[in-house]
Protein backbone atom coordinates (compact mmCIF):
# COMPACT_ATOMS: atom_id res chain seq x y z
CA UNK A 1 22.80 -34.82 52.50
CA UNK A 2 23.72 -37.78 54.63
CA UNK A 3 26.09 -37.78 57.55
CA UNK A 4 29.41 -38.89 56.08
CA UNK A 5 29.11 -36.59 53.08
CA UNK A 6 28.28 -33.63 55.29
CA UNK A 7 31.48 -34.21 57.30
CA UNK A 8 33.54 -34.29 54.11
CA UNK A 9 31.80 -31.30 52.55
CA UNK A 10 33.42 -28.74 54.85
CA UNK A 11 36.81 -29.12 53.19
CA UNK A 12 35.33 -28.95 49.71
CA UNK A 13 33.40 -25.71 50.07
CA UNK A 14 36.17 -23.72 51.74
CA UNK A 15 37.79 -22.45 48.56
CA UNK A 16 34.51 -21.69 46.83
CA UNK A 17 33.07 -19.65 49.68
CA UNK A 18 36.10 -17.98 51.23
CA UNK A 19 35.19 -14.63 49.69
CA UNK A 20 31.55 -14.78 50.71
CA UNK A 21 31.87 -13.77 54.37
CA UNK A 22 32.52 -10.06 54.09
CA UNK A 23 31.26 -9.74 50.51
CA UNK A 24 27.82 -11.01 51.49
CA UNK A 25 27.77 -8.80 54.53
CA UNK A 26 28.61 -5.72 52.49
CA UNK A 27 25.96 -6.41 49.87
CA UNK A 28 23.22 -7.60 52.23
CA UNK A 29 23.83 -4.81 54.68
CA UNK A 30 23.82 -2.00 52.10
CA UNK A 31 27.11 -0.71 53.49
CA UNK A 32 29.53 1.73 51.93
CA UNK A 33 33.14 0.70 51.37
CA UNK A 34 34.07 2.65 54.46
CA UNK A 35 31.79 0.50 56.58
CA UNK A 36 29.19 3.23 57.29
CA UNK A 37 25.48 2.55 57.10
CA UNK A 38 23.62 4.35 54.36
CA UNK A 39 21.46 7.23 55.60
CA UNK A 40 18.14 5.42 55.13
CA UNK A 41 19.13 2.75 57.69
CA UNK A 42 20.23 5.16 60.38
CA UNK A 43 18.53 4.65 63.73
CA UNK A 44 17.28 1.10 63.15
CA UNK A 45 18.53 -1.62 65.45
CA UNK A 46 20.42 -4.14 63.30
CA UNK A 47 21.47 -7.74 63.81
CA UNK A 48 23.57 -10.03 61.61
CA UNK A 49 22.47 -13.62 61.16
CA UNK A 50 25.01 -16.20 59.97
CA UNK A 51 24.30 -19.46 58.13
CA UNK A 52 26.33 -21.80 55.90
CA UNK A 53 23.75 -23.59 53.70
CA UNK A 54 22.89 -21.63 50.56
CA UNK A 55 19.63 -23.59 50.21
CA UNK A 56 18.34 -21.48 53.10
CA UNK A 57 19.08 -18.12 51.44
CA UNK A 58 15.66 -17.26 50.01
CA UNK A 59 13.87 -18.51 53.10
CA UNK A 60 16.05 -16.51 55.48
CA UNK A 61 15.88 -13.38 53.37
CA UNK A 62 12.08 -13.53 53.42
CA UNK A 63 12.03 -14.14 57.18
CA UNK A 64 14.42 -11.24 57.73
CA UNK A 65 12.25 -8.88 55.71
CA UNK A 66 8.97 -9.89 57.35
CA UNK A 67 10.43 -9.74 60.85
CA UNK A 68 12.13 -6.43 60.10
CA UNK A 69 8.91 -4.84 58.88
CA UNK A 70 6.96 -6.09 61.88
CA UNK A 71 9.55 -5.02 64.46
CA UNK A 72 10.93 -1.96 62.61
CA UNK A 73 14.45 -3.39 62.78
CA UNK A 74 16.97 -4.77 60.33
CA UNK A 75 18.06 -8.41 60.09
CA UNK A 76 20.93 -9.08 57.69
CA UNK A 77 21.49 -12.75 56.74
CA UNK A 78 25.14 -13.55 56.01
CA UNK A 79 26.10 -16.67 54.06
CA UNK A 80 29.54 -17.91 55.06
CA UNK A 81 31.67 -21.00 54.67
CA UNK A 82 31.04 -24.00 56.90
CA UNK A 83 34.78 -24.67 57.01
CA UNK A 84 36.12 -23.70 60.45
CA UNK A 85 32.70 -22.17 61.04
CA UNK A 86 32.95 -21.58 64.79
CA UNK A 87 36.52 -20.35 64.56
CA UNK A 88 35.56 -17.82 61.90
CA UNK A 89 32.54 -16.79 63.92
CA UNK A 90 34.71 -16.31 66.99
CA UNK A 91 37.16 -14.09 65.11
CA UNK A 92 34.32 -12.01 63.67
CA UNK A 93 32.80 -11.64 67.14
CA UNK A 94 36.05 -10.14 68.41
CA UNK A 95 37.30 -8.12 65.47
CA UNK A 96 34.43 -7.29 63.09
CA UNK A 97 32.08 -4.33 63.29
CA UNK A 98 29.46 -6.62 61.79
CA UNK A 99 29.73 -9.41 64.34
CA UNK A 100 27.14 -12.21 64.11
CA UNK A 101 24.35 -11.79 66.66
CA UNK A 102 22.73 -15.16 65.96
CA UNK A 103 23.56 -18.09 63.71
CA UNK A 104 22.66 -21.63 62.66
CA UNK A 105 24.77 -24.47 64.07
CA UNK A 106 24.62 -28.25 64.44
CA UNK A 107 23.60 -29.07 67.99
CA UNK A 108 26.63 -31.37 68.27
CA UNK A 109 28.85 -28.26 68.41
CA UNK A 110 26.90 -26.51 71.16
CA UNK A 111 29.26 -27.45 73.97
CA UNK A 112 32.20 -25.95 72.12
CA UNK A 113 30.17 -22.84 71.27
CA UNK A 114 28.88 -22.43 74.82
CA UNK A 115 32.28 -22.81 76.46
CA UNK A 116 33.71 -20.27 74.02
CA UNK A 117 31.00 -17.78 74.94
CA UNK A 118 29.49 -18.01 71.46
CA UNK A 119 26.19 -19.60 72.53
CA UNK A 120 24.44 -17.88 75.42
CA UNK A 121 21.52 -19.40 77.34
CA UNK A 122 18.42 -18.36 75.45
CA UNK A 123 16.01 -15.76 76.84
CA UNK A 124 12.86 -17.09 75.10
CA UNK A 125 10.52 -14.48 76.54
CA UNK A 126 7.53 -15.98 74.68
CA UNK A 127 8.17 -19.57 75.82
CA UNK A 128 8.60 -20.90 72.28
CA UNK A 129 11.18 -23.52 73.22
CA UNK A 130 8.76 -25.82 75.04
CA UNK A 131 7.16 -29.27 74.88
CA UNK A 132 4.13 -27.66 73.25
CA UNK A 133 6.20 -26.82 70.18
CA UNK A 134 9.07 -29.33 70.13
CA UNK A 135 9.55 -33.08 70.76
CA UNK A 136 11.89 -34.49 73.44
CA UNK A 137 14.82 -35.03 71.06
CA UNK A 138 14.75 -31.38 69.97
CA UNK A 139 14.74 -30.08 73.53
CA UNK A 140 17.54 -32.50 74.50
CA UNK A 141 19.57 -31.37 71.51
CA UNK A 142 19.53 -27.71 72.59
CA UNK A 143 20.15 -28.47 76.28
CA UNK A 144 23.58 -28.27 77.90
CA UNK A 145 24.15 -28.80 81.61
CA UNK A 146 20.51 -28.06 82.37
CA UNK A 147 20.30 -24.90 80.25
CA UNK A 148 18.81 -24.32 76.83
CA UNK A 149 21.53 -22.78 74.68
CA UNK A 150 19.73 -22.72 71.34
CA UNK A 151 16.39 -22.90 69.54
CA UNK A 152 15.63 -26.13 67.58
CA UNK A 153 15.30 -25.34 63.87
CA UNK A 154 15.44 -28.38 61.56
CA UNK A 155 16.53 -31.99 61.93
CA UNK A 156 17.79 -35.12 60.25
CA UNK A 157 17.12 -38.69 61.33
CA UNK A 158 16.40 -42.08 59.75
CA UNK A 159 13.38 -44.30 59.07
CA UNK A 160 12.41 -47.40 57.09
CA UNK A 161 11.27 -46.75 53.49
CA UNK A 162 9.25 -49.41 51.68
CA UNK A 163 7.78 -50.19 48.26
CA UNK A 164 4.07 -50.51 48.99
CA UNK A 165 3.27 -52.04 45.61
CA UNK A 166 5.69 -54.90 46.23
CA UNK A 167 4.27 -55.48 49.72
CA UNK A 168 0.79 -55.78 48.19
CA UNK A 169 2.10 -58.33 45.70
CA UNK A 170 3.80 -60.28 48.50
CA UNK A 171 0.55 -60.31 50.47
CA UNK A 172 -1.30 -61.68 47.44
CA UNK A 173 1.29 -64.43 46.97
CA UNK A 174 1.12 -65.49 50.62
CA UNK A 175 -2.68 -65.50 50.56
CA UNK A 176 -2.71 -67.67 47.43
CA UNK A 177 -0.20 -70.12 48.93
CA UNK A 178 -2.28 -70.43 52.08
CA UNK A 179 -5.40 -71.27 50.13
CA UNK A 180 -3.54 -73.83 48.03
CA UNK A 181 -2.00 -75.45 51.11
CA UNK A 182 -5.44 -75.65 52.66
CA UNK A 183 -6.75 -77.45 49.57
CA UNK A 184 -9.07 -74.57 48.64
CA UNK A 185 -7.66 -74.22 45.12
CA UNK A 186 -5.80 -76.17 42.50
CA UNK A 187 -4.32 -75.65 39.07
CA UNK A 188 -6.89 -75.73 36.27
CA UNK A 189 -6.20 -78.20 33.42
CA UNK A 190 -7.88 -75.81 31.00
CA UNK A 191 -5.97 -72.78 32.20
CA UNK A 192 -2.40 -73.51 33.35
CA UNK A 193 -1.90 -69.86 34.27
CA UNK A 194 -4.92 -69.65 36.48
CA UNK A 195 -5.76 -71.13 39.88
CA UNK A 196 -9.47 -71.35 40.58
CA UNK A 197 -10.01 -70.26 44.14
CA UNK A 198 -12.71 -68.43 46.03
CA UNK A 199 -11.95 -64.86 44.96
CA UNK A 200 -13.61 -63.35 48.01
CA UNK A 201 -11.49 -65.54 50.30
CA UNK A 202 -8.36 -64.63 48.35
CA UNK A 203 -9.17 -60.92 48.55
CA UNK A 204 -9.87 -61.08 52.30
CA UNK A 205 -6.65 -63.00 53.02
CA UNK A 206 -4.61 -60.65 50.83
CA UNK A 207 -6.00 -57.66 52.68
CA UNK A 208 -5.22 -59.33 56.00
CA UNK A 209 -1.58 -60.03 55.08
CA UNK A 210 -1.13 -56.61 53.54
CA UNK A 211 -2.39 -54.95 56.73
CA UNK A 212 0.46 -56.60 58.63
CA UNK A 213 3.08 -56.38 55.90
CA UNK A 214 5.01 -53.41 57.28
CA UNK A 215 7.72 -55.05 59.40
CA UNK A 216 8.00 -54.30 63.10
CA UNK A 217 11.14 -56.40 63.63
CA UNK A 218 14.12 -57.49 61.56
CA UNK A 219 12.68 -61.01 61.66
CA UNK A 220 9.63 -59.72 59.77
CA UNK A 221 11.89 -58.42 57.00
CA UNK A 222 13.71 -61.74 56.84
CA UNK A 223 10.38 -63.56 56.60
CA UNK A 224 9.43 -61.47 53.57
CA UNK A 225 12.85 -62.15 52.07
CA UNK A 226 12.29 -65.90 52.50
CA UNK A 227 8.72 -66.00 51.15
CA UNK A 228 8.54 -63.35 48.42
CA UNK A 229 8.85 -64.45 44.80
CA UNK A 230 10.19 -61.10 43.66
CA UNK A 231 9.17 -59.74 40.25
CA UNK A 232 11.71 -59.58 37.40
CA UNK A 233 14.18 -56.75 37.83
CA UNK A 234 14.08 -56.80 41.63
CA UNK A 235 17.61 -57.33 42.95
CA UNK A 236 16.72 -58.05 46.56
CA UNK A 237 14.38 -57.38 49.44
CA UNK A 238 16.49 -54.87 51.39
CA UNK A 239 19.53 -52.70 50.81
CA UNK A 240 20.92 -49.78 52.79
CA UNK A 241 24.18 -47.87 53.26
CA UNK A 242 25.98 -50.13 55.72
CA UNK A 243 29.10 -47.94 55.45
CA UNK A 244 27.51 -44.93 57.19
CA UNK A 245 26.88 -44.83 60.94
CA UNK A 246 23.76 -42.73 60.45
CA UNK A 247 21.99 -45.67 58.77
CA UNK A 248 23.33 -48.29 61.19
CA UNK A 249 23.10 -46.64 64.59
CA UNK A 250 19.45 -47.57 65.13
CA UNK A 251 20.48 -51.17 65.74
CA UNK A 252 22.37 -50.25 68.93
CA UNK A 253 20.88 -46.84 69.74
CA UNK A 254 18.64 -48.00 72.57
CA UNK A 255 21.48 -49.56 74.55
CA UNK A 256 24.73 -47.83 73.66
CA UNK A 257 24.93 -44.74 75.88
CA UNK A 258 27.24 -41.78 75.26
CA UNK A 259 26.52 -38.74 77.40
CA UNK A 260 22.88 -39.51 78.17
CA UNK A 261 19.86 -38.12 76.29
CA UNK A 262 21.33 -34.62 76.22
CA UNK A 263 24.74 -35.92 75.19
CA UNK A 264 26.53 -33.70 77.71
CA UNK A 265 27.36 -35.95 80.69
CA UNK A 266 30.72 -37.77 80.49
CA UNK A 267 29.69 -39.89 83.49
CA UNK A 268 26.98 -41.55 81.38
CA UNK A 269 29.04 -43.81 79.13
CA UNK A 270 27.93 -47.41 78.59
CA UNK A 271 29.31 -49.00 75.44
CA UNK A 272 30.21 -52.61 76.15
CA UNK A 273 27.01 -54.19 77.48
CA UNK A 274 25.18 -57.42 76.76
CA UNK A 275 22.30 -55.83 74.83
CA UNK A 276 24.65 -53.95 72.49
CA UNK A 277 26.56 -57.18 71.87
CA UNK A 278 23.33 -59.01 71.02
CA UNK A 279 22.25 -56.25 68.64
CA UNK A 280 25.57 -56.31 66.83
CA UNK A 281 25.42 -60.09 66.51
CA UNK A 282 22.07 -59.70 64.72
CA UNK A 283 23.64 -57.07 62.46
CA UNK A 284 26.52 -59.41 61.69
CA UNK A 285 24.12 -62.17 60.66
CA UNK A 286 22.28 -59.86 58.25
CA UNK A 287 25.22 -60.03 55.86
CA UNK A 288 24.18 -63.61 55.16
CA UNK A 289 20.77 -62.44 53.93
CA UNK A 290 21.58 -59.08 52.35
CA UNK A 291 25.03 -59.22 50.84
CA UNK A 292 26.11 -55.59 50.54
CA UNK A 293 29.67 -54.46 49.78
CA UNK A 294 30.36 -51.98 52.57
CA UNK A 295 33.23 -50.36 50.66
CA UNK A 296 31.23 -49.70 47.48
CA UNK A 297 27.68 -48.93 48.62
CA UNK A 298 26.60 -45.33 47.98
CA UNK A 299 23.53 -43.67 49.49
CA UNK A 300 22.60 -41.52 46.49
CA UNK A 301 22.90 -44.41 44.05
CA UNK A 302 20.98 -46.60 46.46
CA UNK A 303 18.05 -44.16 46.47
CA UNK A 304 18.11 -44.06 42.68
CA UNK A 305 17.90 -47.86 42.63
CA UNK A 306 15.01 -47.83 45.10
CA UNK A 307 13.10 -45.36 42.91
CA UNK A 308 13.60 -47.75 40.00
CA UNK A 309 12.03 -50.60 42.00
CA UNK A 310 15.15 -52.68 42.54
CA UNK A 311 14.38 -53.61 46.15
CA UNK A 312 11.57 -53.48 48.71
CA UNK A 313 13.10 -51.80 51.79
CA UNK A 314 15.83 -49.33 52.60
CA UNK A 315 16.92 -47.09 55.48
CA UNK A 316 16.93 -43.41 54.54
CA UNK A 317 17.16 -39.95 56.06
CA UNK A 318 14.70 -37.06 55.85
CA UNK A 319 15.91 -35.99 52.40
CA UNK A 320 14.19 -39.04 50.91
CA UNK A 321 10.74 -37.43 51.23
CA UNK A 322 11.59 -34.80 48.64
CA UNK A 323 13.61 -37.25 46.54
CA UNK A 324 10.61 -39.55 46.21
CA UNK A 325 8.26 -36.68 45.39
CA UNK A 326 10.61 -35.40 42.68
CA UNK A 327 11.05 -38.90 41.24
CA UNK A 328 7.27 -39.28 41.01
CA UNK A 329 6.92 -35.93 39.25
CA UNK A 330 9.62 -36.92 36.75
CA UNK A 331 7.92 -40.24 36.04
CA UNK A 332 10.77 -42.30 37.50
CA UNK A 333 8.80 -43.61 40.47
CA UNK A 334 6.14 -45.95 39.14
CA UNK A 335 4.88 -47.48 42.40
CA UNK A 336 3.37 -46.55 45.75
CA UNK A 337 5.78 -46.19 48.64
CA UNK A 338 5.78 -45.15 52.25
CA UNK A 339 7.82 -44.71 55.43
CA UNK A 340 7.62 -46.68 58.67
CA UNK A 341 9.31 -46.66 62.09
CA UNK A 342 12.67 -48.37 62.29
CA UNK A 343 12.07 -52.06 63.02
CA UNK A 344 13.10 -53.50 66.36
CA UNK A 345 16.20 -55.67 66.33
CA UNK A 346 14.09 -58.49 67.79
CA UNK A 347 10.96 -58.96 69.88
CA UNK A 348 13.05 -58.16 72.96
CA UNK A 349 15.66 -55.73 71.61
CA UNK A 350 14.33 -52.28 70.73
CA UNK A 351 15.77 -49.97 68.10
CA UNK A 352 16.41 -46.23 68.38
CA UNK A 353 17.69 -43.93 65.66
CA UNK A 354 20.21 -41.12 65.80
CA UNK A 355 19.37 -37.49 65.04
CA UNK A 356 21.11 -34.22 64.31
CA UNK A 357 19.31 -30.94 65.03
CA UNK A 358 20.38 -27.69 63.46
CA UNK A 359 19.72 -24.94 65.98
CA UNK A 360 19.65 -21.18 66.12
CA UNK A 361 22.13 -19.95 68.72
CA UNK A 362 22.48 -16.42 70.09
CA UNK A 363 26.03 -15.13 70.28
CA UNK A 364 27.15 -14.39 73.82
CA UNK A 365 29.13 -11.45 72.43
CA UNK A 366 26.08 -9.88 70.79
CA UNK A 367 25.17 -6.33 71.80
CA UNK A 368 21.62 -6.97 70.60
CA UNK A 369 20.85 -10.22 72.39
CA UNK A 370 17.19 -9.41 73.09
CA UNK A 371 16.50 -8.72 69.42
CA UNK A 372 18.53 -11.75 68.36
CA UNK A 373 16.46 -13.95 70.69
CA UNK A 374 13.22 -12.56 69.29
CA UNK A 375 14.31 -13.25 65.73
CA UNK A 376 15.49 -16.76 66.61
CA UNK A 377 12.14 -17.57 68.23
CA UNK A 378 10.30 -16.09 65.23
CA UNK A 379 12.36 -18.17 62.82
CA UNK A 380 11.84 -21.56 64.50
CA UNK A 381 8.19 -20.99 65.35
CA UNK A 382 6.22 -18.66 63.07
CA UNK A 383 8.35 -19.36 60.00
CA UNK A 384 8.56 -23.14 60.53
CA UNK A 385 5.44 -24.10 58.51
CA UNK A 386 7.06 -22.80 55.30
CA UNK A 387 10.51 -24.29 55.92
CA UNK A 388 10.13 -27.69 54.24
CA UNK A 389 8.32 -26.44 51.16
CA UNK A 390 10.89 -23.74 50.52
CA UNK A 391 14.11 -25.49 51.55
CA UNK A 392 13.54 -29.24 51.85
CA UNK A 393 14.57 -29.06 55.53
CA UNK A 394 12.35 -30.85 58.04
CA UNK A 395 11.30 -28.41 60.75
CA UNK A 396 11.78 -29.55 64.34
CA UNK A 397 8.62 -27.66 65.30
CA UNK A 398 5.70 -30.01 65.95
CA UNK A 399 3.25 -27.65 64.25
CA UNK A 400 4.97 -27.75 60.85
CA UNK A 401 4.95 -30.13 57.86
CA UNK A 402 1.57 -31.64 58.67
CA UNK A 403 0.65 -32.52 55.07
CA UNK A 404 3.43 -34.93 54.12
CA UNK A 405 2.76 -38.49 55.33
CA UNK A 406 6.36 -39.67 54.83
CA UNK A 407 7.75 -36.64 56.65
CA UNK A 408 5.38 -37.27 59.55
CA UNK A 409 6.96 -40.70 60.08
CA UNK A 410 10.38 -39.08 60.23
CA UNK A 411 9.09 -36.54 62.74
CA UNK A 412 7.74 -39.36 64.92
CA UNK A 413 11.10 -41.16 64.74
CA UNK A 414 12.89 -37.91 65.51
CA UNK A 415 10.84 -37.38 68.66
CA UNK A 416 12.30 -40.48 70.32
CA UNK A 417 15.73 -40.47 68.68
CA UNK A 418 19.16 -40.15 70.27
CA UNK A 419 20.69 -36.72 69.58
CA UNK A 420 24.31 -36.87 68.51
CA UNK A 421 26.33 -36.10 71.68
CA UNK A 422 27.71 -32.59 72.01
CA UNK A 423 30.70 -33.46 74.21
CA UNK A 424 33.95 -32.45 72.54
CA UNK A 425 35.67 -35.54 73.98
CA UNK A 426 33.43 -37.81 71.86
CA UNK A 427 34.12 -36.05 68.57
CA UNK A 428 36.11 -39.01 67.23
CA UNK A 429 33.85 -41.66 68.75
CA UNK A 430 31.47 -41.80 65.79
CA UNK A 431 34.22 -42.48 63.30
CA UNK A 432 35.46 -45.27 65.56
CA UNK A 433 31.94 -46.69 65.86
CA UNK A 434 31.50 -46.54 62.09
CA UNK A 435 34.71 -48.52 61.73
CA UNK A 436 33.43 -51.07 64.25
CA UNK A 437 30.21 -51.58 62.27
CA UNK A 438 32.22 -52.10 59.09
CA UNK A 439 34.36 -54.77 60.72
CA UNK A 440 31.35 -56.51 62.27
CA UNK A 441 29.53 -56.53 58.91
CA UNK A 442 32.52 -58.28 57.40
CA UNK A 443 32.63 -60.96 60.11
CA UNK A 444 34.87 -59.66 62.91
CA UNK A 445 34.38 -60.60 66.57
CA UNK A 446 31.76 -58.37 68.19
CA UNK A 447 32.82 -58.74 71.84
CA UNK A 448 36.48 -57.97 71.19
CA UNK A 449 35.66 -54.91 69.07
CA UNK A 450 33.25 -53.44 71.63
CA UNK A 451 35.76 -53.91 74.43
CA UNK A 452 38.44 -52.20 72.35
CA UNK A 453 36.10 -49.28 71.62
CA UNK A 454 35.10 -48.94 75.28
CA UNK A 455 38.76 -48.94 76.32
CA UNK A 456 39.59 -46.25 73.75
CA UNK A 457 36.79 -43.98 74.95
CA UNK A 458 37.72 -44.53 78.60
């Protein structure tokens, strides 16, 4: 689920899941109506683990059982609404006999959780939360004021997705044109559809162009757009969701600074700078090549169109790996495709994507913090290899998801990405930046908009 939809989803699920909180706890915990544990559970140390995504239910139940059997303890997963999640968690910590000991949370909310006493600095007795197991972005995401206040669990970021079959066809076209321009082939009078050329030369040139077909800069994409005679049914070379900041941020991510790499330092704010202006000017010019209606584009529909071969490139998030695999199994995807790093804005201007890390935090109010830390470490480390297969979530752990080539590209992009800042003061910044991108795409003045944004944040 992409960024904008996830923000809107909280309001939608509130009514449907309002009754889940204590109902799930009662059922999962094998409690009587009076709140007493059944006799068979007496004496076992018990922790409650909160989460808000039902797609994790089977995975977490299995992890709870395996950990419980190994440690001779009880872990009770509790599915609850993601509407007012921290507020509900805070109330349960104060008033409930079944207070959450650990829980899953977006890293962007860690400052709020930490200052409320709901996210304690982790104990990590086994040293799981280290560079050996997690990339820099994951460790930055769980860091606040020099302390680690969570364990990285799974992530979302963006990468370039391409139609490999179309790139091979483009390479063949370019190779043929080069041979014709060099006078090494000409149309045959006896065969108007054929061009007699040295087939070995054509094959070698095609292979050479195909080897360099994956674009490293935006200029490379524009070159393909200018030189590719697209097959029938192809609507364009590139299309992406220009209405969502998650798919646009990479253009300015290397130069627009909000809180530093850990997103927790209000002194590190640099919005209106020359590099960011240059990047946005390039973005503005792209509307001349890829005309996309920012108010009607839809990410899900866009992925459906890509699977049907309607364009060559798109920008997508980690969910696309499973979407493509499912489309292939259903017979919808009839071509080879792959993922690549986000292209640089130019030869001089680098790109850098945004990321969100879902973390496991240990409640500062927990009376079983040592056990909660052990389960959190177990979940993000030993259980990580099964996470993607069972849930579709991309594990932040470096030692997971090694078999999926597309997912590996996302993990590489994630490693160097910019974690969404966790400062509460910047909560509205991303909506403002999304609005800025929309105005720039439709032709507004870049310098004036950036100055206005910088003034608002100041």
